[in-house]
């Protein structure tokens, strides 16, 4: 789908990253969710050529149990 500032991609991240090699030009990545997912995709995007400043990540940690 097209968003106001560019394209929004949905689907398997490995396939998307592989199709954009060597560098996903003009990309910014916004990641959120499970900490393991966020860390894994962040590393793959960095290795694919994105600068860390282009990768915005927010891992969702479980809340503390209420007492």
Protein backbone atom coordinates (compact mmCIF):
# COMPACT_ATOMS: atom_id res chain seq x y z
CA UNK A 1 0.00 0.00 0.00
CA UNK A 2 1.18 3.54 -0.63
CA UNK A 3 1.48 5.86 2.33
CA UNK A 4 1.81 9.64 2.22
CA UNK A 5 5.60 9.55 2.66
CA UNK A 6 6.31 6.40 0.62
CA UNK A 7 5.49 2.75 0.48
CA UNK A 8 4.40 0.55 3.35
CA UNK A 9 5.48 -3.07 3.01
CA UNK A 10 3.66 -5.98 4.58
CA UNK A 11 4.79 -9.59 4.45
CA UNK A 12 7.84 -11.74 5.14
CA UNK A 13 10.75 -9.48 6.09
CA UNK A 14 13.48 -11.87 4.94
CA UNK A 15 12.04 -11.89 1.41
CA UNK A 16 11.63 -8.14 1.36
CA UNK A 17 15.16 -7.50 2.61
CA UNK A 18 16.64 -10.01 0.14
CA UNK A 19 14.83 -8.35 -2.78
CA UNK A 20 16.32 -4.96 -1.88
CA UNK A 21 19.98 -6.05 -1.72
CA UNK A 22 22.57 -4.55 -1.84
CA UNK A 23 21.05 -1.56 0.01
CA UNK A 24 17.43 -0.73 0.60
CA UNK A 25 17.78 2.80 -0.81
CA UNK A 26 15.80 5.55 0.84
CA UNK A 27 14.41 3.24 3.48
CA UNK A 28 13.63 3.92 7.10
CA UNK A 29 12.57 0.99 9.20
CA UNK A 30 10.08 1.21 12.04
CA UNK A 31 10.00 -1.97 14.12
CA UNK A 32 7.89 -2.86 17.10
CA UNK A 33 6.87 -6.03 18.86
CA UNK A 34 8.50 -8.97 20.55
CA UNK A 35 12.09 -8.15 21.64
CA UNK A 36 13.55 -11.17 19.79
CA UNK A 37 11.76 -10.19 16.56
CA UNK A 38 12.85 -6.56 16.83
CA UNK A 39 16.48 -7.50 17.52
CA UNK A 40 16.61 -10.06 14.69
CA UNK A 41 15.08 -7.79 12.04
CA UNK A 42 17.13 -4.80 13.20
CA UNK A 43 20.34 -6.83 12.73
CA UNK A 44 19.24 -8.09 9.30
CA UNK A 45 18.40 -4.56 8.14
CA UNK A 46 21.74 -3.25 9.42
CA UNK A 47 23.62 -6.03 7.63
CA UNK A 48 21.63 -5.25 4.47
CA UNK A 49 22.97 -1.70 4.55
CA UNK A 50 20.68 0.48 6.64
CA UNK A 51 22.39 2.80 9.09
CA UNK A 52 21.35 2.41 12.70
CA UNK A 53 19.94 5.96 12.53
CA UNK A 54 17.50 4.72 9.84
CA UNK A 55 16.18 1.92 12.06
CA UNK A 56 13.66 2.96 14.70
CA UNK A 57 12.81 0.15 17.12
CA UNK A 58 10.52 -0.31 20.10
CA UNK A 59 10.52 -3.72 21.73
CA UNK A 60 7.37 -4.54 23.68
CA UNK A 61 8.33 -5.95 27.04
CA UNK A 62 5.85 -7.77 29.28
CA UNK A 63 4.40 -5.62 32.01
CA UNK A 64 5.20 -6.38 35.63
CA UNK A 65 2.61 -8.55 37.33
CA UNK A 66 0.23 -6.54 39.48
CA UNK A 67 0.31 -7.15 43.22
